[in-house]
Amino acid sequence: MILSSHIIAASAVVAPLLNRPLSFANVALIFFASFLSHFALDALPHWDYKMLSFPKENGERQFIFKKYFLTKDLLKNLLDGVIGLGGAILIIGFPKDFLEFVLFGLIVFGAILPDILEALFVIKKWRVLESLHKFHLAIHGKRVFINKPFWGVISQILIIVLVIFILSGF
C-alpha cells in the first residue's frame, strides 16, 4: 500500500477513540491501532509504486543512494504523505490545539512506522529489526497489481472507501 492509504485508513480506524477521555491507555491504543492497521492493509492485494533507491537484487531489497533518491523517491513519498494528511484531516479534523496535534502525529506516525522501520532494516540491516522485517514480508498480500498502477490506485481507493464505510457504521 502507499503511504496515503495507510494514513487515511489508520485515521478512520482510530477516529472513534479520539472521543474517549484522554488517558495513557487510550493514547497507546490509538498509536498501536494505527500501527497494526498498516499490516492489515498490507495483507490485502495491492500496488506499491517503485522506489528506485530500493531495487531488488537476488530477491532482496537493497539501498542505493543516488540522485534519484532525493529527486524522485523522496518527493514521491512526500507527495503521497501530504495526500494522506489531507485525507486524515477530512476524517478526524484539523488539530485545534497542541494535544490534538500530538494525537494526530501519533496516528500518522503509527500508520507509516512499519515502512520506516522496513527502510531502516534494508539500509542498515539492524538485527533488532530483522523479525519485524520478516513479519512484514510474510504479511504482505500477493500484489496482483504489479506494473498496473491505474488498477492499483483504483483498488486502494476502493479499499479505503470500504474501510471508512464499514467503520462509520454504514
N, C-alpha and C. Protein backbone atom coordinates (compact mmCIF):
# COMPACT_ATOMS: atom_id res chain seq x y z
N MET A 1 0.84 -1.18 0.00
CA MET A 1 0.00 0.00 0.00
C MET A 1 0.88 1.24 0.00
N ILE A 2 0.32 2.30 -0.48
CA ILE A 2 1.06 3.56 -0.47
C ILE A 2 0.79 4.27 0.86
N LEU A 3 1.64 5.22 1.19
CA LEU A 3 1.56 5.88 2.50
C LEU A 3 0.20 6.53 2.75
N SER A 4 -0.34 7.19 1.74
CA SER A 4 -1.62 7.88 1.95
C SER A 4 -2.72 6.90 2.33
N SER A 5 -2.73 5.72 1.75
CA SER A 5 -3.73 4.71 2.11
C SER A 5 -3.59 4.31 3.57
N HIS A 6 -2.35 4.13 4.02
CA HIS A 6 -2.12 3.75 5.42
C HIS A 6 -2.57 4.86 6.37
N ILE A 7 -2.25 6.09 6.05
CA ILE A 7 -2.61 7.23 6.91
C ILE A 7 -4.12 7.41 6.98
N ILE A 8 -4.77 7.35 5.83
CA ILE A 8 -6.22 7.54 5.79
C ILE A 8 -6.94 6.41 6.51
N ALA A 9 -6.53 5.18 6.26
CA ALA A 9 -7.18 4.03 6.93
C ALA A 9 -6.97 4.09 8.45
N ALA A 10 -5.76 4.40 8.88
CA ALA A 10 -5.50 4.49 10.33
C ALA A 10 -6.35 5.59 10.96
N SER A 11 -6.52 6.69 10.26
CA SER A 11 -7.36 7.78 10.77
C SER A 11 -8.80 7.32 10.95
N ALA A 12 -9.29 6.56 9.99
CA ALA A 12 -10.66 6.04 10.08
C ALA A 12 -10.79 5.03 11.21
N VAL A 13 -9.77 4.20 11.39
CA VAL A 13 -9.81 3.18 12.44
C VAL A 13 -9.83 3.80 13.83
N VAL A 14 -9.00 4.82 14.05
CA VAL A 14 -8.87 5.38 15.39
C VAL A 14 -9.79 6.56 15.67
N ALA A 15 -10.50 7.05 14.68
CA ALA A 15 -11.38 8.21 14.88
C ALA A 15 -12.32 8.04 16.08
N PRO A 16 -12.96 6.87 16.26
CA PRO A 16 -13.84 6.73 17.43
C PRO A 16 -13.09 6.82 18.76
N LEU A 17 -11.81 6.46 18.77
CA LEU A 17 -11.03 6.51 20.01
C LEU A 17 -10.71 7.94 20.43
N LEU A 18 -10.78 8.86 19.49
CA LEU A 18 -10.46 10.25 19.80
C LEU A 18 -11.53 10.92 20.66
N ASN A 19 -12.70 10.29 20.73
CA ASN A 19 -13.80 10.83 21.55
C ASN A 19 -13.76 10.34 22.99
N ARG A 20 -12.89 9.40 23.27
CA ARG A 20 -12.78 8.87 24.62
C ARG A 20 -11.97 9.82 25.50
N PRO A 21 -12.16 9.71 26.82
CA PRO A 21 -11.34 10.55 27.72
C PRO A 21 -9.86 10.25 27.54
N LEU A 22 -9.05 11.28 27.63
CA LEU A 22 -7.62 11.14 27.44
C LEU A 22 -7.00 10.38 28.60
N SER A 23 -6.30 9.33 28.26
CA SER A 23 -5.55 8.55 29.25
C SER A 23 -4.36 7.93 28.53
N PHE A 24 -3.40 7.47 29.29
CA PHE A 24 -2.25 6.81 28.68
C PHE A 24 -2.69 5.59 27.88
N ALA A 25 -3.62 4.82 28.45
CA ALA A 25 -4.10 3.62 27.76
C ALA A 25 -4.76 3.95 26.43
N ASN A 26 -5.56 5.01 26.40
CA ASN A 26 -6.23 5.39 25.16
C ASN A 26 -5.22 5.90 24.12
N VAL A 27 -4.24 6.67 24.56
CA VAL A 27 -3.21 7.17 23.64
C VAL A 27 -2.41 5.99 23.08
N ALA A 28 -2.06 5.04 23.93
CA ALA A 28 -1.34 3.85 23.47
C ALA A 28 -2.19 3.04 22.50
N LEU A 29 -3.47 2.92 22.78
CA LEU A 29 -4.38 2.20 21.89
C LEU A 29 -4.47 2.89 20.53
N ILE A 30 -4.53 4.21 20.53
CA ILE A 30 -4.56 4.98 19.28
C ILE A 30 -3.31 4.70 18.45
N PHE A 31 -2.15 4.74 19.10
CA PHE A 31 -0.90 4.50 18.38
C PHE A 31 -0.83 3.07 17.86
N PHE A 32 -1.11 2.09 18.71
CA PHE A 32 -0.98 0.69 18.28
C PHE A 32 -2.04 0.29 17.27
N ALA A 33 -3.24 0.87 17.34
CA ALA A 33 -4.25 0.59 16.32
C ALA A 33 -3.80 1.15 14.97
N SER A 34 -3.19 2.32 14.99
CA SER A 34 -2.64 2.89 13.75
C SER A 34 -1.53 2.01 13.20
N PHE A 35 -0.64 1.58 14.08
CA PHE A 35 0.49 0.72 13.70
C PHE A 35 0.00 -0.60 13.12
N LEU A 36 -0.94 -1.24 13.79
CA LEU A 36 -1.43 -2.55 13.34
C LEU A 36 -2.28 -2.45 12.08
N SER A 37 -2.95 -1.31 11.88
CA SER A 37 -3.74 -1.14 10.66
C SER A 37 -2.86 -1.22 9.42
N HIS A 38 -1.60 -0.83 9.57
CA HIS A 38 -0.65 -0.91 8.46
C HIS A 38 -0.55 -2.36 7.95
N PHE A 39 -0.37 -3.28 8.87
CA PHE A 39 -0.20 -4.68 8.49
C PHE A 39 -1.50 -5.28 7.94
N ALA A 40 -2.63 -4.84 8.49
CA ALA A 40 -3.92 -5.32 7.99
C ALA A 40 -4.10 -4.92 6.52
N LEU A 41 -3.73 -3.70 6.19
CA LEU A 41 -3.84 -3.25 4.80
C LEU A 41 -2.82 -3.95 3.91
N ASP A 42 -1.61 -4.14 4.41
CA ASP A 42 -0.59 -4.80 3.60
C ASP A 42 -0.93 -6.25 3.30
N ALA A 43 -1.80 -6.85 4.09
CA ALA A 43 -2.20 -8.23 3.84
C ALA A 43 -3.11 -8.35 2.61
N LEU A 44 -3.71 -7.23 2.20
CA LEU A 44 -4.60 -7.24 1.04
C LEU A 44 -3.78 -7.10 -0.24
N PRO A 45 -4.26 -7.69 -1.34
CA PRO A 45 -3.57 -7.47 -2.62
C PRO A 45 -3.55 -5.98 -2.95
N HIS A 46 -2.39 -5.47 -3.32
CA HIS A 46 -2.27 -4.05 -3.58
C HIS A 46 -1.12 -3.74 -4.51
N TRP A 47 -0.99 -2.47 -4.82
CA TRP A 47 0.07 -1.96 -5.67
C TRP A 47 0.94 -1.03 -4.85
N ASP A 48 2.24 -1.09 -5.08
CA ASP A 48 3.19 -0.15 -4.49
C ASP A 48 3.94 0.53 -5.63
N TYR A 49 4.18 1.82 -5.50
CA TYR A 49 4.97 2.46 -6.54
C TYR A 49 6.43 2.06 -6.36
N LYS A 50 7.17 2.14 -7.47
CA LYS A 50 8.58 1.74 -7.45
C LYS A 50 9.41 2.79 -6.72
N MET A 51 10.30 2.28 -5.91
CA MET A 51 11.28 3.12 -5.25
C MET A 51 12.62 2.81 -5.90
N LEU A 52 13.11 3.73 -6.71
CA LEU A 52 14.34 3.49 -7.46
C LEU A 52 15.54 3.28 -6.54
N SER A 53 15.47 3.82 -5.34
CA SER A 53 16.58 3.69 -4.38
C SER A 53 16.59 2.32 -3.69
N PHE A 54 15.51 1.55 -3.86
CA PHE A 54 15.42 0.26 -3.19
C PHE A 54 15.13 -0.86 -4.19
N PRO A 55 16.04 -1.10 -5.14
CA PRO A 55 15.80 -2.17 -6.10
C PRO A 55 15.98 -3.55 -5.46
N LYS A 56 15.37 -4.54 -6.09
CA LYS A 56 15.55 -5.92 -5.62
C LYS A 56 16.71 -6.55 -6.37
N GLU A 57 17.61 -7.13 -5.62
CA GLU A 57 18.73 -7.87 -6.20
C GLU A 57 18.78 -9.22 -5.51
N ASN A 58 18.75 -10.27 -6.30
CA ASN A 58 18.74 -11.64 -5.77
C ASN A 58 17.57 -11.85 -4.82
N GLY A 59 16.42 -11.24 -5.13
CA GLY A 59 15.22 -11.42 -4.33
C GLY A 59 15.14 -10.57 -3.07
N GLU A 60 16.19 -9.78 -2.78
CA GLU A 60 16.17 -8.94 -1.58
C GLU A 60 16.34 -7.48 -1.97
N ARG A 61 15.69 -6.63 -1.18
CA ARG A 61 15.81 -5.19 -1.43
C ARG A 61 17.18 -4.70 -0.96
N GLN A 62 17.72 -3.81 -1.75
CA GLN A 62 18.99 -3.15 -1.45
C GLN A 62 18.72 -1.66 -1.41
N PHE A 63 19.62 -0.91 -0.81
CA PHE A 63 19.51 0.55 -0.84
C PHE A 63 20.67 1.10 -1.64
N ILE A 64 20.33 1.90 -2.63
CA ILE A 64 21.35 2.53 -3.46
C ILE A 64 21.08 4.03 -3.43
N PHE A 65 22.00 4.75 -2.80
CA PHE A 65 21.84 6.21 -2.70
C PHE A 65 22.39 6.84 -3.96
N LYS A 66 21.50 7.36 -4.79
CA LYS A 66 21.89 8.08 -5.99
C LYS A 66 21.02 9.32 -6.10
N LYS A 67 21.21 10.07 -7.16
CA LYS A 67 20.49 11.33 -7.31
C LYS A 67 18.99 11.15 -7.26
N TYR A 68 18.47 10.00 -7.72
CA TYR A 68 17.02 9.85 -7.75
C TYR A 68 16.43 9.59 -6.37
N PHE A 69 17.26 9.36 -5.37
CA PHE A 69 16.72 9.23 -4.02
C PHE A 69 16.05 10.53 -3.60
N LEU A 70 16.75 11.64 -3.80
CA LEU A 70 16.21 12.95 -3.41
C LEU A 70 15.25 13.50 -4.45
N THR A 71 15.52 13.27 -5.72
CA THR A 71 14.71 13.90 -6.76
C THR A 71 13.43 13.16 -7.07
N LYS A 72 13.41 11.86 -6.91
CA LYS A 72 12.21 11.10 -7.26
C LYS A 72 11.59 10.41 -6.06
N ASP A 73 12.35 9.57 -5.39
CA ASP A 73 11.77 8.75 -4.31
C ASP A 73 11.29 9.60 -3.15
N LEU A 74 12.10 10.52 -2.69
CA LEU A 74 11.72 11.34 -1.54
C LEU A 74 10.54 12.25 -1.89
N LEU A 75 10.56 12.85 -3.07
CA LEU A 75 9.45 13.71 -3.48
C LEU A 75 8.16 12.92 -3.63
N LYS A 76 8.27 11.72 -4.18
CA LYS A 76 7.10 10.85 -4.34
C LYS A 76 6.50 10.52 -2.98
N ASN A 77 7.35 10.19 -2.01
CA ASN A 77 6.88 9.88 -0.66
C ASN A 77 6.29 11.10 0.03
N LEU A 78 6.89 12.26 -0.17
CA LEU A 78 6.36 13.48 0.44
C LEU A 78 4.98 13.82 -0.12
N LEU A 79 4.81 13.73 -1.42
CA LEU A 79 3.51 13.99 -2.03
C LEU A 79 2.48 12.98 -1.54
N ASP A 80 2.87 11.73 -1.50
CA ASP A 80 1.99 10.67 -1.00
C ASP A 80 1.58 10.95 0.44
N GLY A 81 2.54 11.34 1.28
CA GLY A 81 2.25 11.65 2.67
C GLY A 81 1.33 12.85 2.83
N VAL A 82 1.53 13.89 2.00
CA VAL A 82 0.68 15.08 2.06
C VAL A 82 -0.77 14.72 1.69
N ILE A 83 -0.92 13.87 0.69
CA ILE A 83 -2.27 13.41 0.32
C ILE A 83 -2.90 12.67 1.49
N GLY A 84 -2.11 11.83 2.15
CA GLY A 84 -2.60 11.10 3.34
C GLY A 84 -2.99 12.05 4.46
N LEU A 85 -2.18 13.09 4.68
CA LEU A 85 -2.50 14.07 5.72
C LEU A 85 -3.82 14.78 5.41
N GLY A 86 -4.02 15.10 4.13
CA GLY A 86 -5.28 15.73 3.73
C GLY A 86 -6.47 14.82 4.01
N GLY A 87 -6.32 13.55 3.70
CA GLY A 87 -7.39 12.60 3.99
C GLY A 87 -7.64 12.45 5.48
N ALA A 88 -6.56 12.43 6.26
CA ALA A 88 -6.70 12.32 7.72
C ALA A 88 -7.43 13.54 8.27
N ILE A 89 -7.12 14.71 7.76
CA ILE A 89 -7.79 15.93 8.21
C ILE A 89 -9.28 15.88 7.89
N LEU A 90 -9.61 15.35 6.72
CA LEU A 90 -11.03 15.22 6.35
C LEU A 90 -11.76 14.26 7.29
N ILE A 91 -11.07 13.23 7.75
CA ILE A 91 -11.71 12.21 8.60
C ILE A 91 -11.78 12.66 10.06
N ILE A 92 -10.65 13.12 10.61
CA ILE A 92 -10.62 13.41 12.05
C ILE A 92 -10.56 14.90 12.36
N GLY A 93 -10.43 15.73 11.34
CA GLY A 93 -10.40 17.16 11.57
C GLY A 93 -8.99 17.69 11.76
N PHE A 94 -8.86 18.99 11.55
CA PHE A 94 -7.57 19.65 11.73
C PHE A 94 -7.32 19.82 13.22
N PRO A 95 -6.12 19.49 13.70
CA PRO A 95 -5.82 19.66 15.13
C PRO A 95 -5.98 21.11 15.58
N LYS A 96 -6.74 21.31 16.67
CA LYS A 96 -7.03 22.67 17.15
C LYS A 96 -6.08 23.14 18.24
N ASP A 97 -5.43 22.21 18.91
CA ASP A 97 -4.51 22.59 19.96
C ASP A 97 -3.33 21.61 19.97
N PHE A 98 -2.40 21.84 20.89
CA PHE A 98 -1.18 21.04 20.92
C PHE A 98 -1.48 19.57 21.16
N LEU A 99 -2.39 19.26 22.06
CA LEU A 99 -2.72 17.87 22.37
C LEU A 99 -3.30 17.16 21.14
N GLU A 100 -4.21 17.81 20.44
CA GLU A 100 -4.78 17.22 19.22
C GLU A 100 -3.70 17.04 18.15
N PHE A 101 -2.76 17.98 18.10
CA PHE A 101 -1.65 17.88 17.15
C PHE A 101 -0.79 16.66 17.46
N VAL A 102 -0.52 16.42 18.75
CA VAL A 102 0.27 15.26 19.15
C VAL A 102 -0.47 13.97 18.80
N LEU A 103 -1.76 13.91 19.09
CA LEU A 103 -2.54 12.71 18.76
C LEU A 103 -2.58 12.48 17.25
N PHE A 104 -2.76 13.56 16.50
CA PHE A 104 -2.75 13.48 15.04
C PHE A 104 -1.41 12.92 14.56
N GLY A 105 -0.32 13.43 15.13
CA GLY A 105 1.01 12.95 14.79
C GLY A 105 1.21 11.49 15.12
N LEU A 106 0.68 11.05 16.26
CA LEU A 106 0.80 9.63 16.64
C LEU A 106 0.07 8.73 15.65
N ILE A 107 -1.08 9.18 15.18
CA ILE A 107 -1.85 8.40 14.22
C ILE A 107 -1.05 8.26 12.92
N VAL A 108 -0.57 9.37 12.42
CA VAL A 108 0.17 9.36 11.16
C VAL A 108 1.46 8.56 11.31
N PHE A 109 2.20 8.83 12.38
CA PHE A 109 3.47 8.14 12.60
C PHE A 109 3.25 6.64 12.77
N GLY A 110 2.26 6.25 13.55
CA GLY A 110 1.97 4.83 13.74
C GLY A 110 1.60 4.14 12.45
N ALA A 111 0.87 4.85 11.58
CA ALA A 111 0.42 4.27 10.31
C ALA A 111 1.57 3.99 9.35
N ILE A 112 2.60 4.83 9.38
CA ILE A 112 3.70 4.66 8.43
C ILE A 112 4.97 4.08 9.06
N LEU A 113 4.98 3.92 10.38
CA LEU A 113 6.17 3.42 11.07
C LEU A 113 6.65 2.06 10.55
N PRO A 114 5.78 1.10 10.24
CA PRO A 114 6.31 -0.16 9.71
C PRO A 114 7.14 0.02 8.44
N ASP A 115 6.73 0.93 7.57
CA ASP A 115 7.52 1.17 6.35
C ASP A 115 8.82 1.90 6.66
N ILE A 116 8.80 2.79 7.64
CA ILE A 116 10.04 3.47 8.05
C ILE A 116 11.02 2.45 8.61
N LEU A 117 10.52 1.56 9.46
CA LEU A 117 11.39 0.53 10.04
C LEU A 117 11.88 -0.45 8.97
N GLU A 118 11.03 -0.74 7.99
CA GLU A 118 11.43 -1.61 6.88
C GLU A 118 12.57 -0.96 6.09
N ALA A 119 12.46 0.33 5.79
CA ALA A 119 13.52 1.03 5.08
C ALA A 119 14.81 1.05 5.90
N LEU A 120 14.68 1.28 7.21
CA LEU A 120 15.87 1.25 8.07
C LEU A 120 16.55 -0.11 8.05
N PHE A 121 15.73 -1.17 8.05
CA PHE A 121 16.32 -2.51 8.01
C PHE A 121 17.06 -2.73 6.69
N VAL A 122 16.46 -2.31 5.59
CA VAL A 122 17.09 -2.50 4.29
C VAL A 122 18.39 -1.70 4.20
N ILE A 123 18.39 -0.49 4.74
CA ILE A 123 19.57 0.37 4.67
C ILE A 123 20.65 -0.09 5.65
N LYS A 124 20.28 -0.33 6.90
CA LYS A 124 21.27 -0.59 7.95
C LYS A 124 21.44 -2.06 8.33
N LYS A 125 20.45 -2.88 7.97
CA LYS A 125 20.47 -4.32 8.33
C LYS A 125 20.60 -4.53 9.85
N TRP A 126 19.92 -3.69 10.63
CA TRP A 126 19.96 -3.83 12.08
C TRP A 126 19.23 -5.12 12.48
N ARG A 127 19.92 -5.96 13.19
CA ARG A 127 19.35 -7.26 13.59
C ARG A 127 18.10 -7.11 14.46
N VAL A 128 18.04 -6.03 15.21
CA VAL A 128 16.88 -5.81 16.08
C VAL A 128 15.60 -5.67 15.26
N LEU A 129 15.71 -5.28 14.00
CA LEU A 129 14.55 -5.11 13.13
C LEU A 129 14.28 -6.32 12.23
N GLU A 130 15.11 -7.33 12.33
CA GLU A 130 15.00 -8.48 11.42
C GLU A 130 13.68 -9.23 11.57
N SER A 131 13.22 -9.43 12.79
CA SER A 131 11.95 -10.14 13.00
C SER A 131 10.78 -9.35 12.41
N LEU A 132 10.78 -8.04 12.62
CA LEU A 132 9.72 -7.20 12.06
C LEU A 132 9.79 -7.22 10.53
N HIS A 133 10.99 -7.20 9.99
CA HIS A 133 11.17 -7.28 8.54
C HIS A 133 10.58 -8.59 7.99
N LYS A 134 10.88 -9.70 8.64
CA LYS A 134 10.36 -10.99 8.19
C LYS A 134 8.84 -11.04 8.31
N PHE A 135 8.30 -10.48 9.39
CA PHE A 135 6.84 -10.43 9.57
C PHE A 135 6.21 -9.57 8.48
N HIS A 136 6.82 -8.43 8.22
CA HIS A 136 6.30 -7.51 7.20
C HIS A 136 6.26 -8.20 5.83
N LEU A 137 7.31 -8.92 5.50
CA LEU A 137 7.34 -9.65 4.22
C LEU A 137 6.30 -10.75 4.19
N ALA A 138 6.14 -11.45 5.30
CA ALA A 138 5.20 -12.57 5.35
C ALA A 138 3.75 -12.09 5.27
N ILE A 139 3.46 -10.94 5.85
CA ILE A 139 2.09 -10.45 5.90
C ILE A 139 1.65 -9.84 4.57
N HIS A 140 2.61 -9.38 3.78
CA HIS A 140 2.26 -8.75 2.51
C HIS A 140 1.46 -9.70 1.64
N GLY A 141 0.30 -9.22 1.21
CA GLY A 141 -0.54 -10.00 0.32
C GLY A 141 0.09 -10.11 -1.05
N LYS A 142 -0.41 -11.03 -1.81
CA LYS A 142 0.07 -11.17 -3.18
C LYS A 142 -0.31 -9.89 -3.93
N ARG A 143 0.67 -9.25 -4.46
CA ARG A 143 0.44 -7.99 -5.16
C ARG A 143 0.01 -8.28 -6.59
N VAL A 144 -1.28 -8.27 -6.83
CA VAL A 144 -1.78 -8.58 -8.16
C VAL A 144 -1.73 -7.37 -9.09
N PHE A 145 -1.34 -6.22 -8.57
CA PHE A 145 -1.34 -5.01 -9.39
C PHE A 145 0.07 -4.51 -9.70
N ILE A 146 1.05 -5.41 -9.65
CA ILE A 146 2.40 -5.03 -10.01
C ILE A 146 2.39 -4.60 -11.48
N ASN A 147 3.00 -3.46 -11.76
CA ASN A 147 3.06 -2.88 -13.11
C ASN A 147 1.68 -2.50 -13.65
N LYS A 148 0.71 -2.33 -12.77
CA LYS A 148 -0.62 -1.87 -13.17
C LYS A 148 -1.05 -0.74 -12.23
N PRO A 149 -0.35 0.40 -12.30
CA PRO A 149 -0.64 1.47 -11.34
C PRO A 149 -2.07 1.99 -11.38
N PHE A 150 -2.68 2.05 -12.56
CA PHE A 150 -4.05 2.56 -12.63
C PHE A 150 -4.97 1.70 -11.78
N TRP A 151 -4.94 0.39 -12.01
CA TRP A 151 -5.81 -0.52 -11.25
C TRP A 151 -5.38 -0.61 -9.79
N GLY A 152 -4.09 -0.45 -9.54
CA GLY A 152 -3.61 -0.44 -8.17
C GLY A 152 -4.14 0.74 -7.38
N VAL A 153 -4.13 1.91 -7.98
CA VAL A 153 -4.65 3.11 -7.32
C VAL A 153 -6.16 2.97 -7.11
N ILE A 154 -6.86 2.50 -8.14
CA ILE A 154 -8.31 2.31 -8.03
C ILE A 154 -8.63 1.33 -6.90
N SER A 155 -7.86 0.23 -6.82
CA SER A 155 -8.12 -0.77 -5.77
C SER A 155 -7.90 -0.17 -4.38
N GLN A 156 -6.87 0.66 -4.23
CA GLN A 156 -6.60 1.26 -2.93
C GLN A 156 -7.68 2.27 -2.55
N ILE A 157 -8.14 3.01 -3.52
CA ILE A 157 -9.24 3.96 -3.25
C ILE A 157 -10.47 3.18 -2.80
N LEU A 158 -10.78 2.10 -3.50
CA LEU A 158 -11.95 1.29 -3.12
C LEU A 158 -11.79 0.68 -1.73
N ILE A 159 -10.61 0.21 -1.41
CA ILE A 159 -10.35 -0.36 -0.08
C ILE A 159 -10.54 0.70 0.99
N ILE A 160 -9.99 1.88 0.78
CA ILE A 160 -10.10 2.97 1.76
C ILE A 160 -11.56 3.38 1.92
N VAL A 161 -12.29 3.52 0.82
CA VAL A 161 -13.71 3.87 0.90
C VAL A 161 -14.47 2.79 1.67
N LEU A 162 -14.16 1.53 1.41
CA LEU A 162 -14.80 0.43 2.12
C LEU A 162 -14.48 0.47 3.61
N VAL A 163 -13.23 0.71 3.97
CA VAL A 163 -12.83 0.81 5.38
C VAL A 163 -13.60 1.94 6.07
N ILE A 164 -13.64 3.09 5.43
CA ILE A 164 -14.36 4.24 6.02
C ILE A 164 -15.85 3.94 6.14
N PHE A 165 -16.42 3.32 5.11
CA PHE A 165 -17.83 2.98 5.09
C PHE A 165 -18.18 2.01 6.23
N ILE A 166 -17.37 0.97 6.38
CA ILE A 166 -17.63 -0.03 7.42
C ILE A 166 -17.46 0.59 8.82
N LEU A 167 -16.40 1.37 9.00
CA LEU A 167 -16.14 1.95 10.32
C LEU A 167 -17.11 3.04 10.69
N SER A 168 -17.73 3.66 9.70
CA SER A 168 -18.70 4.72 10.02
C SER A 168 -20.06 4.13 10.39
N GLY A 169 -20.21 2.83 10.33
CA GLY A 169 -21.45 2.17 10.71
C GLY A 169 -22.50 2.20 9.63
N PHE A 170 -22.03 2.26 8.38
CA PHE A 170 -22.89 2.29 7.19
C PHE A 170 -23.64 3.57 7.23
